[in-house]
Amino acid sequence: MEFNSFLEQILDAVNAELPSGRTARYKAVNKTNGVVYTGMYLDAGEKGTVSPIVYMEPVFDGISGPETIPELARELARILISPVKQERSAFRVAEYEYAKERIVFRLINLAENGAMLERLPHRTFLDLAVTYGVFISDGDDGFGIAQVSHALMDQWGITEETLYELASGNSMRLMGDAVKSLTEVMGDGLPDDTEEDRRKAKEAGRFFMVTNRYSFLGAATLLYSDRYAEIAKKVGSDLYLLPTSVHEVMTVPADGRSPEEIKTLQKAIVSEDPLKEHHLTESVYYYSAADGRFSIA
């Protein structure tokens, strides 16, 4: 089945499952790195709720054939009519008093997002762009991040400098950070049959993954977390930093390793994630423990 045919069939099937007066529609949703998804959503419901948006490309990749469409349509209809309450919606983002306590950092690739950055307040960090979002939580485990545009910033009557100051204060409080050694991440996945295996396992304990408490957009910890200084002190070395995706950064002790070796490792790790919107950079960064500075290796 072709994707366009799937879109037509599933839209008709979902609308047949919806309550009277509600209609599912599609819209293009622009993501980072030039990725565009087809989002299914419901027309306006009762005041104070918004419809979830379901991206159809991953749904299409997961179907086994036309026979799955009726069951899939019932599930999509159920998802779409589940209201997203106002606290998690974008309704209050325009209120500066609400938003100013929730502005956080986001990092995206500078070169690959030129068109998007024309409408976003930002500044550069190495080969990346520092952008801003409003952290919106439902008070439980659910959360979202609404993008801050020039239009929204102007509506608030503030500057990019103010956004940066607010994000510097809010990001750790709202997103936090989380660190695990590669040994912890891999668990029983590291062999220990031979002396060489055990040596490698011990060395893996000097590699760390840094993200935030949600493991979502965690590469932004580069802008606000002191964990990199703590890791450098722990391993007794400067660090190579590998932003393996927008969600996390791997730290590698710099002692005894060349930039070329680490760049090869970075390319291999990045190539394993097929989702283009997860890509942050193929660059490797260097953290100097002496002065706490980041640079491109």
C-alpha atoms as a PDB file:
ATOM      1  CA  MET A   1       0.000   0.000   0.000  1.00  0.00           C
ATOM      2  CA  GLU A   2       1.306   3.463  -0.878  1.00  0.00           C
ATOM      3  CA  PHE A   3       1.450   6.146   1.801  1.00  0.00           C
ATOM      4  CA  ASN A   4      -1.048   8.510   0.112  1.00  0.00           C
ATOM      5  CA  SER A   5      -3.544   5.685  -0.334  1.00  0.00           C
ATOM      6  CA  PHE A   6      -3.083   4.778   3.318  1.00  0.00           C
ATOM      7  CA  LEU A   7      -3.758   8.392   4.361  1.00  0.00           C
ATOM      8  CA  GLU A   8      -7.059   8.443   2.454  1.00  0.00           C
ATOM      9  CA  GLN A   9      -8.242   5.087   3.784  1.00  0.00           C
ATOM     10  CA  ILE A  10      -7.318   5.664   7.414  1.00  0.00           C
ATOM     11  CA  LEU A  11      -8.832   9.166   7.475  1.00  0.00           C
ATOM     12  CA  ASP A  12     -12.176   7.834   6.206  1.00  0.00           C
ATOM     13  CA  ALA A  13     -12.025   4.950   8.689  1.00  0.00           C
ATOM     14  CA  VAL A  14     -11.196   7.212  11.650  1.00  0.00           C
ATOM     15  CA  ASN A  15     -13.979   9.665  10.803  1.00  0.00           C
ATOM     16  CA  ALA A  16     -16.414   6.764  10.715  1.00  0.00           C
ATOM     17  CA  GLU A  17     -15.413   5.941  14.318  1.00  0.00           C
ATOM     18  CA  LEU A  18     -15.671   9.482  15.694  1.00  0.00           C
ATOM     19  CA  PRO A  19     -18.679  10.943  17.532  1.00  0.00           C
ATOM     20  CA  SER A  20     -21.113  12.997  15.473  1.00  0.00           C
ATOM     21  CA  GLY A  21     -19.861  16.519  14.845  1.00  0.00           C
ATOM     22  CA  ARG A  22     -16.144  15.732  15.168  1.00  0.00           C
ATOM     23  CA  THR A  23     -13.872  15.504  12.129  1.00  0.00           C
ATOM     24  CA  ALA A  24     -10.282  14.303  11.768  1.00  0.00           C
ATOM     25  CA  ARG A  25      -8.009  16.262   9.460  1.00  0.00           C
ATOM     26  CA  TYR A  26      -4.362  16.380   8.380  1.00  0.00           C
ATOM     27  CA  LYS A  27      -1.784  19.130   8.596  1.00  0.00           C
ATOM     28  CA  ALA A  28       1.928  19.342   7.855  1.00  0.00           C
ATOM     29  CA  VAL A  29       4.089  19.569  10.986  1.00  0.00           C
ATOM     30  CA  ASN A  30       7.594  20.958  10.521  1.00  0.00           C
ATOM     31  CA  LYS A  31      10.227  19.332  12.721  1.00  0.00           C
ATOM     32  CA  THR A  32      13.945  20.072  13.008  1.00  0.00           C
ATOM     33  CA  ASN A  33      16.508  19.245  10.310  1.00  0.00           C
ATOM     34  CA  GLY A  34      13.967  19.774   7.512  1.00  0.00           C
ATOM     35  CA  VAL A  35      11.750  16.860   8.554  1.00  0.00           C
ATOM     36  CA  VAL A  36       8.019  17.281   7.816  1.00  0.00           C
ATOM     37  CA  TYR A  37       5.430  14.913   9.298  1.00  0.00           C
ATOM     38  CA  THR A  38       1.771  14.449   8.369  1.00  0.00           C
ATOM     39  CA  GLY A  39      -0.193  15.049  11.557  1.00  0.00           C
ATOM     40  CA  MET A  40      -3.751  13.795  12.120  1.00  0.00           C
ATOM     41  CA  TYR A  41      -5.776  15.934  14.516  1.00  0.00           C
ATOM     42  CA  LEU A  42      -9.368  16.760  15.406  1.00  0.00           C
ATOM     43  CA  ASP A  43     -11.142  19.995  14.663  1.00  0.00           C
ATOM     44  CA  ALA A  44     -11.813  22.276  17.648  1.00  0.00           C
ATOM     45  CA  GLY A  45     -13.528  20.628  20.592  1.00  0.00           C
ATOM     46  CA  GLU A  46     -14.883  22.081  23.791  1.00  0.00           C
ATOM     47  CA  LYS A  47     -13.140  25.133  25.185  1.00  0.00           C
ATOM     48  CA  GLY A  48     -10.108  24.328  27.331  1.00  0.00           C
ATOM     49  CA  THR A  49      -9.019  21.220  25.437  1.00  0.00           C
ATOM     50  CA  VAL A  50      -6.968  20.567  22.347  1.00  0.00           C
ATOM     51  CA  SER A  51      -6.612  17.495  20.185  1.00  0.00           C
ATOM     52  CA  PRO A  52      -3.481  15.376  20.249  1.00  0.00           C
ATOM     53  CA  ILE A  53      -1.597  15.219  16.952  1.00  0.00           C
ATOM     54  CA  VAL A  54      -0.715  11.758  15.690  1.00  0.00           C
ATOM     55  CA  TYR A  55       2.156  11.564  13.202  1.00  0.00           C
ATOM     56  CA  MET A  56       1.151   9.249  10.392  1.00  0.00           C
ATOM     57  CA  GLU A  57       4.548   8.290   8.978  1.00  0.00           C
ATOM     58  CA  PRO A  58       5.497   6.069  11.965  1.00  0.00           C
ATOM     59  CA  VAL A  59       1.963   4.643  11.984  1.00  0.00           C
ATOM     60  CA  PHE A  60       2.264   3.721   8.304  1.00  0.00           C
ATOM     61  CA  ASP A  61       5.653   2.082   8.899  1.00  0.00           C
ATOM     62  CA  GLY A  62       4.085  -0.143  11.540  1.00  0.00           C
ATOM     63  CA  ILE A  63       1.096  -1.506   9.627  1.00  0.00           C
ATOM     64  CA  SER A  64       1.160  -4.997   8.165  1.00  0.00           C
ATOM     65  CA  GLY A  65      -1.496  -4.448   5.497  1.00  0.00           C
ATOM     66  CA  PRO A  66      -4.965  -3.064   4.687  1.00  0.00           C
ATOM     67  CA  GLU A  67      -6.593  -5.596   7.017  1.00  0.00           C
ATOM     68  CA  THR A  68      -5.184  -3.718  10.023  1.00  0.00           C
ATOM     69  CA  ILE A  69      -6.881  -0.412   9.139  1.00  0.00           C
ATOM     70  CA  PRO A  70     -10.246  -0.985  10.960  1.00  0.00           C
ATOM     71  CA  GLU A  71      -8.532  -1.858  14.249  1.00  0.00           C
ATOM     72  CA  LEU A  72      -6.014   0.963  13.799  1.00  0.00           C
ATOM     73  CA  ALA A  73      -8.806   3.451  13.058  1.00  0.00           C
ATOM     74  CA  ARG A  74     -10.582   2.574  16.307  1.00  0.00           C
ATOM     75  CA  GLU A  75      -7.385   3.128  18.286  1.00  0.00           C
ATOM     76  CA  LEU A  76      -6.616   6.442  16.545  1.00  0.00           C
ATOM     77  CA  ALA A  77     -10.168   7.667  17.165  1.00  0.00           C
ATOM     78  CA  ARG A  78      -9.789   6.789  20.849  1.00  0.00           C
ATOM     79  CA  ILE A  79      -6.526   8.740  21.058  1.00  0.00           C
ATOM     80  CA  LEU A  80      -7.893  11.771  19.233  1.00  0.00           C
ATOM     81  CA  ILE A  81     -10.984  12.179  21.377  1.00  0.00           C
ATOM     82  CA  SER A  82      -8.976  11.920  24.602  1.00  0.00           C
ATOM     83  CA  PRO A  83      -8.831  15.601  25.597  1.00  0.00           C
ATOM     84  CA  VAL A  84      -5.557  17.316  26.407  1.00  0.00           C
ATOM     85  CA  LYS A  85      -6.320  19.626  29.285  1.00  0.00           C
ATOM     86  CA  GLN A  86      -5.454  23.301  29.226  1.00  0.00           C
ATOM     87  CA  GLU A  87      -2.396  22.925  31.475  1.00  0.00           C
ATOM     88  CA  ARG A  88      -0.707  20.830  28.813  1.00  0.00           C
ATOM     89  CA  SER A  89      -1.951  22.854  25.874  1.00  0.00           C
ATOM     90  CA  ALA A  90      -0.520  25.979  24.311  1.00  0.00           C
ATOM     91  CA  PHE A  91      -3.389  28.135  25.571  1.00  0.00           C
ATOM     92  CA  ARG A  92      -1.437  29.728  28.431  1.00  0.00           C
ATOM     93  CA  VAL A  93       1.919  30.038  26.658  1.00  0.00           C
ATOM     94  CA  ALA A  94       1.005  33.548  25.468  1.00  0.00           C
ATOM     95  CA  GLU A  95       0.718  34.655  29.122  1.00  0.00           C
ATOM     96  CA  TYR A  96       4.165  35.947  30.047  1.00  0.00           C
ATOM     97  CA  GLU A  97       3.632  35.522  33.796  1.00  0.00           C
ATOM     98  CA  TYR A  98       2.885  31.849  33.145  1.00  0.00           C
ATOM     99  CA  ALA A  99       5.635  31.315  30.591  1.00  0.00           C
ATOM    100  CA  LYS A 100       8.555  33.104  32.236  1.00  0.00           C
ATOM    101  CA  GLU A 101       8.883  30.433  34.923  1.00  0.00           C
ATOM    102  CA  ARG A 102       8.909  27.679  32.281  1.00  0.00           C
ATOM    103  CA  ILE A 103      11.299  28.881  29.547  1.00  0.00           C
ATOM    104  CA  VAL A 104      14.029  26.288  28.922  1.00  0.00           C
ATOM    105  CA  PHE A 105      16.884  25.673  26.499  1.00  0.00           C
ATOM    106  CA  ARG A 106      16.718  23.650  23.302  1.00  0.00           C
ATOM    107  CA  LEU A 107      19.690  22.856  21.039  1.00  0.00           C
ATOM    108  CA  ILE A 108      19.352  22.251  17.303  1.00  0.00           C
ATOM    109  CA  ASN A 109      21.777  22.024  14.406  1.00  0.00           C
ATOM    110  CA  LEU A 110      22.646  25.490  13.111  1.00  0.00           C
ATOM    111  CA  ALA A 111      23.407  24.665   9.472  1.00  0.00           C
ATOM    112  CA  GLU A 112      20.470  22.294   8.913  1.00  0.00           C
ATOM    113  CA  ASN A 113      17.767  24.586  10.311  1.00  0.00           C
ATOM    114  CA  GLY A 114      18.379  27.928   8.612  1.00  0.00           C
ATOM    115  CA  ALA A 115      14.784  28.427   7.463  1.00  0.00           C
ATOM    116  CA  MET A 116      13.340  27.518  10.869  1.00  0.00           C
ATOM    117  CA  LEU A 117      15.805  29.778  12.684  1.00  0.00           C
ATOM    118  CA  GLU A 118      14.593  32.795  10.717  1.00  0.00           C
ATOM    119  CA  ARG A 119      11.482  32.781  12.907  1.00  0.00           C
ATOM    120  CA  LEU A 120      13.108  31.712  16.185  1.00  0.00           C
ATOM    121  CA  PRO A 121      15.112  33.857  18.610  1.00  0.00           C
ATOM    122  CA  HIS A 122      18.452  32.117  19.038  1.00  0.00           C
ATOM    123  CA  ARG A 123      22.186  32.417  19.556  1.00  0.00           C
ATOM    124  CA  THR A 124      25.057  30.176  18.507  1.00  0.00           C
ATOM    125  CA  PHE A 125      26.882  27.634  20.646  1.00  0.00           C
ATOM    126  CA  LEU A 126      29.757  25.974  18.815  1.00  0.00           C
ATOM    127  CA  ASP A 127      28.084  24.673  15.608  1.00  0.00           C
ATOM    128  CA  LEU A 128      24.626  24.594  17.203  1.00  0.00           C
ATOM    129  CA  ALA A 129      21.778  27.045  17.735  1.00  0.00           C
ATOM    130  CA  VAL A 130      20.453  27.738  21.210  1.00  0.00           C
ATOM    131  CA  THR A 131      16.667  28.092  20.946  1.00  0.00           C
ATOM    132  CA  TYR A 132      13.961  28.297  23.587  1.00  0.00           C
ATOM    133  CA  GLY A 133      10.807  26.465  24.580  1.00  0.00           C
ATOM    134  CA  VAL A 134       8.104  26.728  27.235  1.00  0.00           C
ATOM    135  CA  PHE A 135       7.984  23.628  29.408  1.00  0.00           C
ATOM    136  CA  ILE A 136       4.356  22.590  29.880  1.00  0.00           C
ATOM    137  CA  SER A 137       3.579  19.841  32.388  1.00  0.00           C
ATOM    138  CA  ASP A 138       0.308  18.203  33.357  1.00  0.00           C
ATOM    139  CA  GLY A 139       1.561  17.770  36.906  1.00  0.00           C
ATOM    140  CA  ASP A 140       1.958  14.032  36.357  1.00  0.00           C
ATOM    141  CA  ASP A 141       4.451  12.369  34.010  1.00  0.00           C
ATOM    142  CA  GLY A 142       3.221  14.091  30.856  1.00  0.00           C
ATOM    143  CA  PHE A 143       4.877  17.180  29.485  1.00  0.00           C
ATOM    144  CA  GLY A 144       5.530  19.106  26.303  1.00  0.00           C
ATOM    145  CA  ILE A 145       7.751  21.948  25.126  1.00  0.00           C
ATOM    146  CA  ALA A 146       6.180  24.770  23.097  1.00  0.00           C
ATOM    147  CA  GLN A 147       8.599  26.548  20.772  1.00  0.00           C
ATOM    148  CA  VAL A 148       9.311  30.236  21.361  1.00  0.00           C
ATOM    149  CA  SER A 149       9.107  32.257  18.130  1.00  0.00           C
ATOM    150  CA  HIS A 150      10.031  35.871  17.419  1.00  0.00           C
ATOM    151  CA  ALA A 151       6.305  36.641  17.340  1.00  0.00           C
ATOM    152  CA  LEU A 152       5.776  35.182  20.805  1.00  0.00           C
ATOM    153  CA  MET A 153       8.860  36.908  22.190  1.00  0.00           C
ATOM    154  CA  ASP A 154       7.665  40.248  20.772  1.00  0.00           C
ATOM    155  CA  GLN A 155       4.208  39.658  22.247  1.00  0.00           C
ATOM    156  CA  TRP A 156       5.834  39.230  25.643  1.00  0.00           C
ATOM    157  CA  GLY A 157       7.872  42.402  25.079  1.00  0.00           C
ATOM    158  CA  ILE A 158      11.237  40.869  25.974  1.00  0.00           C
ATOM    159  CA  THR A 159      14.583  40.239  24.242  1.00  0.00           C
ATOM    160  CA  GLU A 160      16.601  37.158  23.401  1.00  0.00           C
ATOM    161  CA  GLU A 161      18.977  38.093  26.212  1.00  0.00           C
ATOM    162  CA  THR A 162      16.075  37.853  28.669  1.00  0.00           C
ATOM    163  CA  LEU A 163      15.078  34.487  27.219  1.00  0.00           C
ATOM    164  CA  TYR A 164      18.622  33.234  27.801  1.00  0.00           C
ATOM    165  CA  GLU A 165      18.646  34.479  31.395  1.00  0.00           C
ATOM    166  CA  LEU A 166      15.270  32.857  32.113  1.00  0.00           C
ATOM    167  CA  ALA A 167      16.283  29.548  30.514  1.00  0.00           C
ATOM    168  CA  SER A 168      19.526  29.559  32.505  1.00  0.00           C
ATOM    169  CA  GLY A 169      17.503  29.721  35.708  1.00  0.00           C
ATOM    170  CA  ASN A 170      14.690  27.368  34.708  1.00  0.00           C
ATOM    171  CA  SER A 171      16.335  24.512  32.801  1.00  0.00           C
ATOM    172  CA  MET A 172      17.980  22.730  35.705  1.00  0.00           C
ATOM    173  CA  ARG A 173      14.945  23.228  37.952  1.00  0.00           C
ATOM    174  CA  LEU A 174      12.457  21.891  35.389  1.00  0.00           C
ATOM    175  CA  MET A 175      14.464  19.430  33.304  1.00  0.00           C
ATOM    176  CA  GLY A 176      17.328  18.534  35.625  1.00  0.00           C
ATOM    177  CA  ASP A 177      20.101  16.234  34.521  1.00  0.00           C
ATOM    178  CA  ALA A 178      20.854  12.527  34.743  1.00  0.00           C
ATOM    179  CA  VAL A 179      24.156  10.692  34.398  1.00  0.00           C
ATOM    180  CA  LYS A 180      24.868   6.988  33.919  1.00  0.00           C
ATOM    181  CA  SER A 181      28.084   5.210  33.136  1.00  0.00           C
ATOM    182  CA  LEU A 182      28.178   3.123  29.978  1.00  0.00           C
ATOM    183  CA  THR A 183      28.449   0.096  32.252  1.00  0.00           C
ATOM    184  CA  GLU A 184      25.119   1.022  33.863  1.00  0.00           C
ATOM    185  CA  VAL A 185      23.501   1.744  30.495  1.00  0.00           C
ATOM    186  CA  MET A 186      24.524  -1.580  28.970  1.00  0.00           C
ATOM    187  CA  GLY A 187      23.949  -3.669  32.100  1.00  0.00           C
ATOM    188  CA  ASP A 188      24.526  -7.335  31.314  1.00  0.00           C
ATOM    189  CA  GLY A 189      25.326  -6.484  27.704  1.00  0.00           C
ATOM    190  CA  LEU A 190      29.061  -6.267  28.427  1.00  0.00           C
ATOM    191  CA  PRO A 191      30.852  -9.656  28.152  1.00  0.00           C
ATOM    192  CA  ASP A 192      33.307 -10.653  30.901  1.00  0.00           C
ATOM    193  CA  ASP A 193      34.543 -14.001  29.626  1.00  0.00           C
ATOM    194  CA  THR A 194      38.164 -12.994  29.136  1.00  0.00           C
ATOM    195  CA  GLU A 195      40.682 -10.663  30.728  1.00  0.00           C
ATOM    196  CA  GLU A 196      40.329  -8.359  27.712  1.00  0.00           C
ATOM    197  CA  ASP A 197      36.536  -8.306  28.163  1.00  0.00           C
ATOM    198  CA  ARG A 198      36.959  -7.328  31.792  1.00  0.00           C
ATOM    199  CA  ARG A 199      39.432  -4.607  30.859  1.00  0.00           C
ATOM    200  CA  LYS A 200      36.965  -3.163  28.350  1.00  0.00           C
ATOM    201  CA  ALA A 201      34.153  -3.345  30.892  1.00  0.00           C
ATOM    202  CA  LYS A 202      36.270  -1.431  33.400  1.00  0.00           C
ATOM    203  CA  GLU A 203      37.081   1.188  30.769  1.00  0.00           C
ATOM    204  CA  ALA A 204      33.376   1.499  29.918  1.00  0.00           C
ATOM    205  CA  GLY A 205      32.894   2.655  33.483  1.00  0.00           C
ATOM    206  CA  ARG A 206      34.819   5.827  32.539  1.00  0.00           C
ATOM    207  CA  PHE A 207      32.355   6.623  29.715  1.00  0.00           C
ATOM    208  CA  PHE A 208      29.167   8.425  30.730  1.00  0.00           C
ATOM    209  CA  MET A 209      25.820   9.318  29.148  1.00  0.00           C
ATOM    210  CA  VAL A 210      24.423  12.706  30.162  1.00  0.00           C
ATOM    211  CA  THR A 211      20.795  13.674  29.564  1.00  0.00           C
ATOM    212  CA  ASN A 212      17.950  15.220  31.576  1.00  0.00           C
ATOM    213  CA  ARG A 213      15.488  13.489  33.883  1.00  0.00           C
ATOM    214  CA  TYR A 214      13.111  12.927  30.949  1.00  0.00           C
ATOM    215  CA  SER A 215      15.750  11.634  28.489  1.00  0.00           C
ATOM    216  CA  PHE A 216      14.229  14.143  26.066  1.00  0.00           C
ATOM    217  CA  LEU A 217      16.209  16.976  24.428  1.00  0.00           C
ATOM    218  CA  GLY A 218      18.899  16.180  26.996  1.00  0.00           C
ATOM    219  CA  ALA A 219      21.806  17.493  24.904  1.00  0.00           C
ATOM    220  CA  ALA A 220      20.774  20.932  26.184  1.00  0.00           C
ATOM    221  CA  THR A 221      22.492  19.964  29.455  1.00  0.00           C
ATOM    222  CA  LEU A 222      25.639  21.262  27.731  1.00  0.00           C
ATOM    223  CA  LEU A 223      24.293  24.742  28.476  1.00  0.00           C
ATOM    224  CA  TYR A 224      23.393  24.435  32.135  1.00  0.00           C
ATOM    225  CA  SER A 225      24.706  21.294  33.831  1.00  0.00           C
ATOM    226  CA  ASP A 226      27.816  21.078  36.020  1.00  0.00           C
ATOM    227  CA  ARG A 227      27.963  17.328  35.465  1.00  0.00           C
ATOM    228  CA  TYR A 228      30.657  17.656  32.816  1.00  0.00           C
ATOM    229  CA  ALA A 229      33.026  19.245  35.326  1.00  0.00           C
ATOM    230  CA  GLU A 230      32.174  16.530  37.841  1.00  0.00           C
ATOM    231  CA  ILE A 231      32.797  13.752  35.296  1.00  0.00           C
ATOM    232  CA  ALA A 232      36.134  15.273  34.247  1.00  0.00           C
ATOM    233  CA  LYS A 233      37.189  15.354  37.892  1.00  0.00           C
ATOM    234  CA  LYS A 234      35.989  11.785  38.448  1.00  0.00           C
ATOM    235  CA  VAL A 235      37.962  10.326  35.515  1.00  0.00           C
ATOM    236  CA  GLY A 236      40.942  12.667  36.005  1.00  0.00           C
ATOM    237  CA  SER A 237      40.942  13.889  32.420  1.00  0.00           C
ATOM    238  CA  ASP A 238      39.580  16.427  29.983  1.00  0.00           C
ATOM    239  CA  LEU A 239      36.634  15.077  28.018  1.00  0.00           C
ATOM    240  CA  TYR A 240      35.573  14.465  24.469  1.00  0.00           C
ATOM    241  CA  LEU A 241      31.827  15.068  24.197  1.00  0.00           C
ATOM    242  CA  LEU A 242      29.780  13.166  21.636  1.00  0.00           C
ATOM    243  CA  PRO A 243      26.249  14.594  21.130  1.00  0.00           C
ATOM    244  CA  THR A 244      24.870  11.295  19.882  1.00  0.00           C
ATOM    245  CA  SER A 245      21.424  12.871  19.366  1.00  0.00           C
ATOM    246  CA  VAL A 246      19.360  15.824  20.555  1.00  0.00           C
ATOM    247  CA  HIS A 247      18.543  13.694  23.592  1.00  0.00           C
ATOM    248  CA  GLU A 248      21.916  12.864  25.155  1.00  0.00           C
ATOM    249  CA  VAL A 249      25.685  13.423  25.203  1.00  0.00           C
ATOM    250  CA  MET A 250      28.336  10.745  25.664  1.00  0.00           C
ATOM    251  CA  THR A 251      31.508  11.713  27.525  1.00  0.00           C
ATOM    252  CA  VAL A 252      34.813  10.004  26.758  1.00  0.00           C
ATOM    253  CA  PRO A 253      38.038  10.594  28.724  1.00  0.00           C
ATOM    254  CA  ALA A 254      40.447  12.487  26.463  1.00  0.00           C
ATOM    255  CA  ASP A 255      43.616  10.921  27.825  1.00  0.00           C
ATOM    256  CA  GLY A 256      45.311   8.661  25.279  1.00  0.00           C
ATOM    257  CA  ARG A 257      42.726   9.222  22.544  1.00  0.00           C
ATOM    258  CA  SER A 258      43.013  11.191  19.314  1.00  0.00           C
ATOM    259  CA  PRO A 259      40.263  13.427  17.873  1.00  0.00           C
ATOM    260  CA  GLU A 260      40.203  11.244  14.755  1.00  0.00           C
ATOM    261  CA  GLU A 261      39.468   8.127  16.809  1.00  0.00           C
ATOM    262  CA  ILE A 262      36.607   9.836  18.631  1.00  0.00           C
ATOM    263  CA  LYS A 263      35.142  11.339  15.450  1.00  0.00           C
ATOM    264  CA  THR A 264      34.982   7.854  13.938  1.00  0.00           C
ATOM    265  CA  LEU A 265      33.134   6.649  17.036  1.00  0.00           C
ATOM    266  CA  GLN A 266      30.717   9.593  16.847  1.00  0.00           C
ATOM    267  CA  LYS A 267      29.860   8.929  13.200  1.00  0.00           C
ATOM    268  CA  ALA A 268      29.243   5.249  13.930  1.00  0.00           C
ATOM    269  CA  ILE A 269      26.877   6.023  16.819  1.00  0.00           C
ATOM    270  CA  VAL A 270      24.974   8.768  14.966  1.00  0.00           C
ATOM    271  CA  SER A 271      24.475   6.519  11.928  1.00  0.00           C
ATOM    272  CA  GLU A 272      22.630   3.956  14.090  1.00  0.00           C
ATOM    273  CA  ASP A 273      19.661   6.318  14.641  1.00  0.00           C
ATOM    274  CA  PRO A 274      17.573   6.432  11.440  1.00  0.00           C
ATOM    275  CA  LEU A 275      15.375   9.355  12.590  1.00  0.00           C
ATOM    276  CA  LYS A 276      16.702  12.531  11.036  1.00  0.00           C
ATOM    277  CA  GLU A 277      14.942  14.775  13.560  1.00  0.00           C
ATOM    278  CA  HIS A 278      17.056  13.200  16.331  1.00  0.00           C
ATOM    279  CA  HIS A 279      20.291  14.319  14.680  1.00  0.00           C
ATOM    280  CA  LEU A 280      22.159  17.138  16.399  1.00  0.00           C
ATOM    281  CA  THR A 281      25.689  17.207  14.982  1.00  0.00           C
ATOM    282  CA  GLU A 282      28.490  14.998  13.727  1.00  0.00           C
ATOM    283  CA  SER A 283      31.026  17.223  15.472  1.00  0.00           C
ATOM    284  CA  VAL A 284      32.900  16.107  18.549  1.00  0.00           C
ATOM    285  CA  TYR A 285      33.356  18.640  21.331  1.00  0.00           C
ATOM    286  CA  TYR A 286      36.194  19.014  23.801  1.00  0.00           C
ATOM    287  CA  TYR A 287      35.734  19.966  27.445  1.00  0.00           C
ATOM    288  CA  SER A 288      38.726  21.515  29.204  1.00  0.00           C
ATOM    289  CA  ALA A 289      38.632  20.782  32.915  1.00  0.00           C
ATOM    290  CA  ALA A 290      41.116  23.565  33.636  1.00  0.00           C
ATOM    291  CA  ASP A 291      38.888  26.422  32.475  1.00  0.00           C
ATOM    292  CA  GLY A 292      35.477  24.745  32.001  1.00  0.00           C
ATOM    293  CA  ARG A 293      35.345  25.690  28.317  1.00  0.00           C
ATOM    294  CA  PHE A 294      33.750  23.797  25.436  1.00  0.00           C
ATOM    295  CA  SER A 295      35.260  23.761  21.935  1.00  0.00           C
ATOM    296  CA  ILE A 296      34.995  21.760  18.722  1.00  0.00           C
ATOM    297  CA  ALA A 297      37.628  19.007  18.701  1.00  0.00           C
END
